[in-house]
Amino acid sequence: MLYFLHELRNSRFMSFSIQSLRRFSKGGIVTKHILIVDDDALLRRSLAFNLEQAGFRTETAGTAEDALAKVRLDPPDLVLLDIGLPGMDGLDALRTLRQQLNVPVIFLTARRRELDEVLGLELGADDYVTKPFDFDVLLARIKAVLRRAAVSAPAVSLPEPIIVGDLAIDMAAHTVTVGGKSVDLAPREFDLLAALAQEAGRVLSVDELLARVWGAEYVGEPQVVYVHIRWLREKLETDPKHPQRIVTVRGVGYKMQEAGSKG
């Protein structure tokens, strides 16, 4: 059955946050993380649902730029990458991705011309699937690519902690400390803090934070960010009413900086 016939019959779809799904299945086996990058929202949601049913953890992105930001925050085990993306296309996205991470990539392509271009450029995609496709065929390709990657994979190196002044974020251990003291954060709070800390010193708009942490489907719902920023300040700031770590740049967004610095 083609991918569009696998769509759920309700509207409860969303992109999944970094920690919103557990990394382990019922049997205690580490769950593989797949990033789905396609500008077709229906396809993204359908693939995410079916892959979750098959035992994978998924995350979705509608643009290459959003995908690359998510890769930095939570490196996937495999990327399903559409070639015909708006803005930066899939070919350029793969070039940039290869500079950040050696991760298996399966191209999704709708036109034979695109496929020929990919093969001609030899960018290093691990496989390709032409649309429309049968989900079972795609699933078999995914499993095959993951098996090959496991055989050739080098020793895993853990990501370096993110340090902003006396605040430290350990992405691998999923812990946060301030001045050496542990701070307990909910999963989405952790994701939001990590997104801000990754870009410390740069202002991130509310919509950019929504796209990175909650997924593009949440863009236009700023209250979600406002509430989580308030909760973070209550846990991280000496005086939450006069924040010095997560500061508001009026009319633009939020910026992470060292406590006590003048932004």
C-alpha atoms as a PDB file:
ATOM      1  CA  MET A   1       0.000   0.000   0.000  1.00  0.00           C
ATOM      2  CA  LEU A   2       1.397   3.408  -0.971  1.00  0.00           C
ATOM      3  CA  TYR A   3       2.517   5.804   1.725  1.00  0.00           C
ATOM      4  CA  PHE A   4      -0.513   8.100   1.519  1.00  0.00           C
ATOM      5  CA  LEU A   5      -2.818   5.177   2.380  1.00  0.00           C
ATOM      6  CA  HIS A   6      -1.021   4.724   5.694  1.00  0.00           C
ATOM      7  CA  GLU A   7      -2.225   8.076   7.071  1.00  0.00           C
ATOM      8  CA  LEU A   8      -3.980   7.949  10.445  1.00  0.00           C
ATOM      9  CA  ARG A   9      -7.695   8.675  10.531  1.00  0.00           C
ATOM     10  CA  ASN A  10      -7.437  11.336  13.197  1.00  0.00           C
ATOM     11  CA  SER A  11      -5.576  14.647  13.518  1.00  0.00           C
ATOM     12  CA  ARG A  12      -3.379  13.899  16.511  1.00  0.00           C
ATOM     13  CA  PHE A  13      -0.088  14.345  14.668  1.00  0.00           C
ATOM     14  CA  MET A  14       2.895  16.318  15.854  1.00  0.00           C
ATOM     15  CA  SER A  15       6.678  16.447  15.580  1.00  0.00           C
ATOM     16  CA  PHE A  16       8.347  14.723  18.489  1.00  0.00           C
ATOM     17  CA  SER A  17      10.737  16.541  20.798  1.00  0.00           C
ATOM     18  CA  ILE A  18      14.204  15.258  21.602  1.00  0.00           C
ATOM     19  CA  GLN A  19      13.140  13.417  24.715  1.00  0.00           C
ATOM     20  CA  SER A  20       9.363  13.083  24.194  1.00  0.00           C
ATOM     21  CA  LEU A  21       9.803   9.459  23.126  1.00  0.00           C
ATOM     22  CA  ARG A  22      11.821   6.993  25.113  1.00  0.00           C
ATOM     23  CA  ARG A  23      15.073   5.748  23.597  1.00  0.00           C
ATOM     24  CA  PHE A  24      14.360   2.173  24.618  1.00  0.00           C
ATOM     25  CA  SER A  25      11.723  -0.266  23.412  1.00  0.00           C
ATOM     26  CA  LYS A  26       9.899  -2.745  25.640  1.00  0.00           C
ATOM     27  CA  GLY A  27      12.700  -5.248  25.308  1.00  0.00           C
ATOM     28  CA  GLY A  28      15.318  -2.763  26.462  1.00  0.00           C
ATOM     29  CA  ILE A  29      16.813  -2.492  22.974  1.00  0.00           C
ATOM     30  CA  VAL A  30      18.068   0.935  21.958  1.00  0.00           C
ATOM     31  CA  THR A  31      15.553   2.532  19.607  1.00  0.00           C
ATOM     32  CA  LYS A  32      16.964   3.874  16.350  1.00  0.00           C
ATOM     33  CA  HIS A  33      16.269   7.541  15.709  1.00  0.00           C
ATOM     34  CA  ILE A  34      15.126   8.564  12.208  1.00  0.00           C
ATOM     35  CA  LEU A  35      14.858  12.171  11.014  1.00  0.00           C
ATOM     36  CA  ILE A  36      12.258  12.659   8.254  1.00  0.00           C
ATOM     37  CA  VAL A  37      12.875  15.728   6.084  1.00  0.00           C
ATOM     38  CA  ASP A  38      10.142  16.547   3.566  1.00  0.00           C
ATOM     39  CA  ASP A  39       8.039  19.619   2.789  1.00  0.00           C
ATOM     40  CA  ASP A  40       4.920  17.448   2.442  1.00  0.00           C
ATOM     41  CA  ALA A  41       3.327  17.589   5.901  1.00  0.00           C
ATOM     42  CA  LEU A  42       0.986  14.680   5.150  1.00  0.00           C
ATOM     43  CA  LEU A  43       3.901  12.466   4.154  1.00  0.00           C
ATOM     44  CA  ARG A  44       5.947  13.508   7.193  1.00  0.00           C
ATOM     45  CA  ARG A  45       3.135  12.611   9.546  1.00  0.00           C
ATOM     46  CA  SER A  46       2.311   9.348   7.791  1.00  0.00           C
ATOM     47  CA  LEU A  47       5.942   8.199   7.774  1.00  0.00           C
ATOM     48  CA  ALA A  48       6.428   9.217  11.401  1.00  0.00           C
ATOM     49  CA  PHE A  49       3.378   7.221  12.462  1.00  0.00           C
ATOM     50  CA  ASN A  50       4.309   4.110  10.494  1.00  0.00           C
ATOM     51  CA  LEU A  51       7.947   4.183  11.585  1.00  0.00           C
ATOM     52  CA  GLU A  52       6.882   4.590  15.213  1.00  0.00           C
ATOM     53  CA  GLN A  53       4.660   1.549  14.768  1.00  0.00           C
ATOM     54  CA  ALA A  54       7.697  -0.298  13.410  1.00  0.00           C
ATOM     55  CA  GLY A  55       9.657   0.509  16.579  1.00  0.00           C
ATOM     56  CA  PHE A  56      11.657   3.578  15.575  1.00  0.00           C
ATOM     57  CA  ARG A  57      11.891   6.967  17.262  1.00  0.00           C
ATOM     58  CA  THR A  58      11.178   9.750  14.785  1.00  0.00           C
ATOM     59  CA  GLU A  59      11.557  13.478  14.376  1.00  0.00           C
ATOM     60  CA  THR A  60      10.385  15.548  11.425  1.00  0.00           C
ATOM     61  CA  ALA A  61      11.428  18.717   9.610  1.00  0.00           C
ATOM     62  CA  GLY A  62       9.819  20.572   6.719  1.00  0.00           C
ATOM     63  CA  THR A  63      12.960  22.365   5.546  1.00  0.00           C
ATOM     64  CA  ALA A  64      16.656  21.587   5.280  1.00  0.00           C
ATOM     65  CA  GLU A  65      17.494  24.456   7.614  1.00  0.00           C
ATOM     66  CA  ASP A  66      15.192  23.077  10.322  1.00  0.00           C
ATOM     67  CA  ALA A  67      16.619  19.596   9.804  1.00  0.00           C
ATOM     68  CA  LEU A  68      20.240  20.724  10.186  1.00  0.00           C
ATOM     69  CA  ALA A  69      19.355  22.522  13.426  1.00  0.00           C
ATOM     70  CA  LYS A  70      17.724  19.358  14.765  1.00  0.00           C
ATOM     71  CA  VAL A  71      20.717  17.256  13.753  1.00  0.00           C
ATOM     72  CA  ARG A  72      22.935  19.468  15.923  1.00  0.00           C
ATOM     73  CA  LEU A  73      20.611  19.088  18.904  1.00  0.00           C
ATOM     74  CA  ASP A  74      19.865  15.395  18.587  1.00  0.00           C
ATOM     75  CA  PRO A  75      21.926  13.463  15.997  1.00  0.00           C
ATOM     76  CA  PRO A  76      19.794  10.812  14.244  1.00  0.00           C
ATOM     77  CA  ASP A  77      20.800   7.288  13.251  1.00  0.00           C
ATOM     78  CA  LEU A  78      19.392   7.791   9.729  1.00  0.00           C
ATOM     79  CA  VAL A  79      17.927  10.629   7.668  1.00  0.00           C
ATOM     80  CA  LEU A  80      15.134  10.334   5.106  1.00  0.00           C
ATOM     81  CA  LEU A  81      15.817  13.362   2.909  1.00  0.00           C
ATOM     82  CA  ASP A  82      13.581  14.769   0.186  1.00  0.00           C
ATOM     83  CA  ILE A  83      15.502  16.301  -2.704  1.00  0.00           C
ATOM     84  CA  GLY A  84      12.951  18.925  -3.765  1.00  0.00           C
ATOM     85  CA  LEU A  85      12.872  20.996  -0.592  1.00  0.00           C
ATOM     86  CA  PRO A  86      12.043  24.727  -0.507  1.00  0.00           C
ATOM     87  CA  GLY A  87      14.984  27.026   0.193  1.00  0.00           C
ATOM     88  CA  MET A  88      18.072  24.839   0.593  1.00  0.00           C
ATOM     89  CA  ASP A  89      17.388  21.705  -1.440  1.00  0.00           C
ATOM     90  CA  GLY A  90      18.225  18.158  -0.447  1.00  0.00           C
ATOM     91  CA  LEU A  91      21.479  18.074  -2.388  1.00  0.00           C
ATOM     92  CA  ASP A  92      22.898  21.114  -0.611  1.00  0.00           C
ATOM     93  CA  ALA A  93      21.516  19.808   2.672  1.00  0.00           C
ATOM     94  CA  LEU A  94      23.461  16.575   2.231  1.00  0.00           C
ATOM     95  CA  ARG A  95      26.673  18.496   1.528  1.00  0.00           C
ATOM     96  CA  THR A  96      26.207  20.494   4.738  1.00  0.00           C
ATOM     97  CA  LEU A  97      25.142  17.450   6.726  1.00  0.00           C
ATOM     98  CA  ARG A  98      28.281  15.556   5.734  1.00  0.00           C
ATOM     99  CA  GLN A  99      30.360  18.372   7.250  1.00  0.00           C
ATOM    100  CA  GLN A 100      28.592  17.915  10.603  1.00  0.00           C
ATOM    101  CA  LEU A 101      27.890  14.231  10.914  1.00  0.00           C
ATOM    102  CA  ASN A 102      28.544  10.912   9.188  1.00  0.00           C
ATOM    103  CA  VAL A 103      25.003   9.560   9.222  1.00  0.00           C
ATOM    104  CA  PRO A 104      23.250   7.294   6.702  1.00  0.00           C
ATOM    105  CA  VAL A 105      20.946   9.139   4.295  1.00  0.00           C
ATOM    106  CA  ILE A 106      18.178   7.758   2.096  1.00  0.00           C
ATOM    107  CA  PHE A 107      17.000  10.168  -0.585  1.00  0.00           C
ATOM    108  CA  LEU A 108      13.300  10.492  -1.357  1.00  0.00           C
ATOM    109  CA  THR A 109      12.767  11.683  -4.929  1.00  0.00           C
ATOM    110  CA  ALA A 110       9.690  12.331  -7.042  1.00  0.00           C
ATOM    111  CA  ARG A 111      11.332  12.807 -10.443  1.00  0.00           C
ATOM    112  CA  ARG A 112      13.732  10.643 -12.368  1.00  0.00           C
ATOM    113  CA  ARG A 113      15.717  13.729 -13.364  1.00  0.00           C
ATOM    114  CA  GLU A 114      16.465  14.406  -9.689  1.00  0.00           C
ATOM    115  CA  LEU A 115      17.584  10.824  -9.209  1.00  0.00           C
ATOM    116  CA  ASP A 116      19.958  11.042 -12.156  1.00  0.00           C
ATOM    117  CA  GLU A 117      21.410  14.239 -10.711  1.00  0.00           C
ATOM    118  CA  VAL A 118      22.004  12.589  -7.350  1.00  0.00           C
ATOM    119  CA  LEU A 119      23.704   9.594  -8.891  1.00  0.00           C
ATOM    120  CA  GLY A 120      25.788  11.835 -11.141  1.00  0.00           C
ATOM    121  CA  LEU A 121      27.023  14.039  -8.304  1.00  0.00           C
ATOM    122  CA  GLU A 122      27.809  11.009  -6.144  1.00  0.00           C
ATOM    123  CA  LEU A 123      27.213  12.975  -2.975  1.00  0.00           C
ATOM    124  CA  GLY A 124      27.269   9.918  -0.814  1.00  0.00           C
ATOM    125  CA  ALA A 125      23.628   9.097  -0.209  1.00  0.00           C
ATOM    126  CA  ASP A 126      23.316   5.520   1.031  1.00  0.00           C
ATOM    127  CA  ASP A 127      20.163   4.691  -0.927  1.00  0.00           C
ATOM    128  CA  TYR A 128      17.177   6.257  -2.667  1.00  0.00           C
ATOM    129  CA  VAL A 129      13.447   5.614  -2.982  1.00  0.00           C
ATOM    130  CA  THR A 130      11.253   7.105  -5.692  1.00  0.00           C
ATOM    131  CA  LYS A 131       7.800   8.475  -4.889  1.00  0.00           C
ATOM    132  CA  PRO A 132       5.179   7.121  -4.636  1.00  0.00           C
ATOM    133  CA  PHE A 133       6.556   4.176  -2.726  1.00  0.00           C
ATOM    134  CA  ASP A 134       5.335   1.203  -0.755  1.00  0.00           C
ATOM    135  CA  PHE A 135       6.021   1.670   2.962  1.00  0.00           C
ATOM    136  CA  ASP A 136       7.148  -1.942   3.375  1.00  0.00           C
ATOM    137  CA  VAL A 137       9.751  -1.401   0.661  1.00  0.00           C
ATOM    138  CA  LEU A 138      10.999   1.748   2.371  1.00  0.00           C
ATOM    139  CA  LEU A 139      11.124  -0.052   5.718  1.00  0.00           C
ATOM    140  CA  ALA A 140      13.230  -2.822   4.206  1.00  0.00           C
ATOM    141  CA  ARG A 141      15.629  -0.218   2.735  1.00  0.00           C
ATOM    142  CA  ILE A 142      15.910   1.535   6.086  1.00  0.00           C
ATOM    143  CA  LYS A 143      16.739  -1.688   7.921  1.00  0.00           C
ATOM    144  CA  ALA A 144      19.303  -2.653   5.293  1.00  0.00           C
ATOM    145  CA  VAL A 145      21.057   0.729   5.460  1.00  0.00           C
ATOM    146  CA  LEU A 146      21.103   0.647   9.267  1.00  0.00           C
ATOM    147  CA  ARG A 147      22.611  -2.859   9.207  1.00  0.00           C
ATOM    148  CA  ARG A 148      25.378  -1.711   6.848  1.00  0.00           C
ATOM    149  CA  ALA A 149      26.027   1.358   9.002  1.00  0.00           C
ATOM    150  CA  ALA A 150      26.273  -0.765  12.151  1.00  0.00           C
ATOM    151  CA  VAL A 151      28.899  -2.998  10.579  1.00  0.00           C
ATOM    152  CA  SER A 152      31.072  -0.086   9.422  1.00  0.00           C
ATOM    153  CA  ALA A 153      30.421   2.291  12.307  1.00  0.00           C
ATOM    154  CA  PRO A 154      33.503   3.611  14.159  1.00  0.00           C
ATOM    155  CA  ALA A 155      33.610   3.992  17.916  1.00  0.00           C
ATOM    156  CA  VAL A 156      30.948   6.431  19.088  1.00  0.00           C
ATOM    157  CA  SER A 157      32.216   9.726  20.491  1.00  0.00           C
ATOM    158  CA  LEU A 158      29.952  11.516  22.936  1.00  0.00           C
ATOM    159  CA  PRO A 159      29.016  15.134  22.214  1.00  0.00           C
ATOM    160  CA  GLU A 160      30.888  17.801  24.161  1.00  0.00           C
ATOM    161  CA  PRO A 161      28.922  19.515  26.951  1.00  0.00           C
ATOM    162  CA  ILE A 162      27.492  22.936  26.079  1.00  0.00           C
ATOM    163  CA  ILE A 163      28.930  25.574  28.421  1.00  0.00           C
ATOM    164  CA  VAL A 164      27.497  29.075  28.873  1.00  0.00           C
ATOM    165  CA  GLY A 165      29.195  30.711  31.835  1.00  0.00           C
ATOM    166  CA  ASP A 166      28.487  28.590  34.910  1.00  0.00           C
ATOM    167  CA  LEU A 167      25.685  26.727  33.145  1.00  0.00           C
ATOM    168  CA  ALA A 168      26.560  23.322  31.658  1.00  0.00           C
ATOM    169  CA  ILE A 169      24.371  21.069  29.503  1.00  0.00           C
ATOM    170  CA  ASP A 170      25.400  17.443  29.021  1.00  0.00           C
ATOM    171  CA  MET A 171      23.461  16.324  25.949  1.00  0.00           C
ATOM    172  CA  ALA A 172      24.499  12.674  26.294  1.00  0.00           C
ATOM    173  CA  ALA A 173      23.555  12.365  29.969  1.00  0.00           C
ATOM    174  CA  HIS A 174      20.589  14.747  29.588  1.00  0.00           C
ATOM    175  CA  THR A 175      21.632  16.783  32.626  1.00  0.00           C
ATOM    176  CA  VAL A 176      21.935  20.485  33.433  1.00  0.00           C
ATOM    177  CA  THR A 177      24.016  22.096  36.155  1.00  0.00           C
ATOM    178  CA  VAL A 178      24.298  25.703  37.284  1.00  0.00           C
ATOM    179  CA  GLY A 179      27.329  26.550  39.366  1.00  0.00           C
ATOM    180  CA  GLY A 180      27.919  22.815  39.787  1.00  0.00           C
ATOM    181  CA  LYS A 181      24.423  22.198  41.172  1.00  0.00           C
ATOM    182  CA  SER A 182      22.044  19.920  39.292  1.00  0.00           C
ATOM    183  CA  VAL A 183      18.842  21.431  37.866  1.00  0.00           C
ATOM    184  CA  ASP A 184      15.876  19.182  37.155  1.00  0.00           C
ATOM    185  CA  LEU A 185      14.213  20.042  33.829  1.00  0.00           C
ATOM    186  CA  ALA A 186      11.235  18.542  32.035  1.00  0.00           C
ATOM    187  CA  PRO A 187      11.982  17.145  28.536  1.00  0.00           C
ATOM    188  CA  ARG A 188      10.708  20.172  26.579  1.00  0.00           C
ATOM    189  CA  GLU A 189      12.420  22.567  28.980  1.00  0.00           C
ATOM    190  CA  PHE A 190      15.682  20.736  28.337  1.00  0.00           C
ATOM    191  CA  ASP A 191      15.143  20.874  24.561  1.00  0.00           C
ATOM    192  CA  LEU A 192      14.394  24.600  24.654  1.00  0.00           C
ATOM    193  CA  LEU A 193      17.407  25.370  26.843  1.00  0.00           C
ATOM    194  CA  ALA A 194      19.661  23.310  24.559  1.00  0.00           C
ATOM    195  CA  ALA A 195      18.386  25.168  21.484  1.00  0.00           C
ATOM    196  CA  LEU A 196      19.140  28.529  23.107  1.00  0.00           C
ATOM    197  CA  ALA A 197      22.532  27.427  24.430  1.00  0.00           C
ATOM    198  CA  GLN A 198      23.603  26.024  21.057  1.00  0.00           C
ATOM    199  CA  GLU A 199      23.207  29.558  19.710  1.00  0.00           C
ATOM    200  CA  ALA A 200      24.365  31.465  22.801  1.00  0.00           C
ATOM    201  CA  GLY A 201      24.715  35.158  22.069  1.00  0.00           C
ATOM    202  CA  ARG A 202      22.372  35.022  19.074  1.00  0.00           C
ATOM    203  CA  VAL A 203      18.732  36.081  19.209  1.00  0.00           C
ATOM    204  CA  LEU A 204      16.285  33.339  18.237  1.00  0.00           C
ATOM    205  CA  SER A 205      12.772  34.276  17.231  1.00  0.00           C
ATOM    206  CA  VAL A 206       9.745  32.603  18.811  1.00  0.00           C
ATOM    207  CA  ASP A 207       8.861  30.905  15.518  1.00  0.00           C
ATOM    208  CA  GLU A 208      12.424  29.609  15.153  1.00  0.00           C
ATOM    209  CA  LEU A 209      12.297  28.131  18.638  1.00  0.00           C
ATOM    210  CA  LEU A 210       8.908  26.568  17.919  1.00  0.00           C
ATOM    211  CA  ALA A 211      10.208  24.976  14.715  1.00  0.00           C
ATOM    212  CA  ARG A 212      13.378  23.650  16.368  1.00  0.00           C
ATOM    213  CA  VAL A 213      11.900  22.319  19.589  1.00  0.00           C
ATOM    214  CA  TRP A 214       8.247  21.527  18.882  1.00  0.00           C
ATOM    215  CA  GLY A 215       8.240  21.220  15.084  1.00  0.00           C
ATOM    216  CA  ALA A 216       7.012  23.402  12.239  1.00  0.00           C
ATOM    217  CA  GLU A 217       3.407  22.421  12.999  1.00  0.00           C
ATOM    218  CA  TYR A 218       3.542  24.603  16.132  1.00  0.00           C
ATOM    219  CA  VAL A 219       4.670  27.803  14.388  1.00  0.00           C
ATOM    220  CA  GLY A 220       2.070  30.474  15.152  1.00  0.00           C
ATOM    221  CA  GLU A 221       1.497  29.298  18.738  1.00  0.00           C
ATOM    222  CA  PRO A 222       3.870  31.623  20.670  1.00  0.00           C
ATOM    223  CA  GLN A 223       2.233  30.999  24.038  1.00  0.00           C
ATOM    224  CA  VAL A 224       3.952  27.589  24.130  1.00  0.00           C
ATOM    225  CA  VAL A 225       7.359  29.287  24.103  1.00  0.00           C
ATOM    226  CA  TYR A 226       6.356  32.022  26.542  1.00  0.00           C
ATOM    227  CA  VAL A 227       5.249  29.492  29.162  1.00  0.00           C
ATOM    228  CA  HIS A 228       8.377  27.324  28.841  1.00  0.00           C
ATOM    229  CA  ILE A 229      10.672  30.378  28.990  1.00  0.00           C
ATOM    230  CA  ARG A 230       8.976  31.401  32.226  1.00  0.00           C
ATOM    231  CA  TRP A 231       9.461  27.910  33.674  1.00  0.00           C
ATOM    232  CA  LEU A 232      13.139  27.890  32.676  1.00  0.00           C
ATOM    233  CA  ARG A 233      13.704  31.267  34.287  1.00  0.00           C
ATOM    234  CA  GLU A 234      12.095  30.077  37.496  1.00  0.00           C
ATOM    235  CA  LYS A 235      14.600  27.212  37.638  1.00  0.00           C
ATOM    236  CA  LEU A 236      17.729  28.924  36.325  1.00  0.00           C
ATOM    237  CA  GLU A 237      17.595  32.596  37.256  1.00  0.00           C
ATOM    238  CA  THR A 238      18.482  34.092  40.623  1.00  0.00           C
ATOM    239  CA  ASP A 239      15.671  36.589  40.087  1.00  0.00           C
ATOM    240  CA  PRO A 240      13.207  35.274  37.459  1.00  0.00           C
ATOM    241  CA  LYS A 241      11.570  38.704  37.156  1.00  0.00           C
ATOM    242  CA  HIS A 242      14.913  40.202  36.116  1.00  0.00           C
ATOM    243  CA  PRO A 243      16.496  37.404  34.044  1.00  0.00           C
ATOM    244  CA  GLN A 244      20.188  37.515  33.198  1.00  0.00           C
ATOM    245  CA  ARG A 245      20.661  34.168  31.454  1.00  0.00           C
ATOM    246  CA  ILE A 246      17.661  34.007  29.113  1.00  0.00           C
ATOM    247  CA  VAL A 247      16.948  37.578  28.086  1.00  0.00           C
ATOM    248  CA  THR A 248      14.142  39.004  26.000  1.00  0.00           C
ATOM    249  CA  VAL A 249      15.035  41.096  22.970  1.00  0.00           C
ATOM    250  CA  ARG A 250      11.843  43.064  22.432  1.00  0.00           C
ATOM    251  CA  GLY A 251      10.197  42.525  19.098  1.00  0.00           C
ATOM    252  CA  VAL A 252      12.767  39.892  18.084  1.00  0.00           C
ATOM    253  CA  GLY A 253      12.933  36.922  20.451  1.00  0.00           C
ATOM    254  CA  TYR A 254      15.145  35.420  23.151  1.00  0.00           C
ATOM    255  CA  LYS A 255      18.884  35.180  23.682  1.00  0.00           C
ATOM    256  CA  MET A 256      21.006  32.984  25.948  1.00  0.00           C
ATOM    257  CA  GLN A 257      23.992  34.634  27.636  1.00  0.00           C
ATOM    258  CA  GLU A 258      26.242  34.289  30.655  1.00  0.00           C
ATOM    259  CA  ALA A 259      24.607  35.402  33.897  1.00  0.00           C
ATOM    260  CA  GLY A 260      25.689  38.933  34.730  1.00  0.00           C
ATOM    261  CA  SER A 261      26.740  39.874  31.195  1.00  0.00           C
ATOM    262  CA  LYS A 262      25.220  42.893  29.545  1.00  0.00           C
ATOM    263  CA  GLY A 263      23.307  41.932  26.389  1.00  0.00           C
END
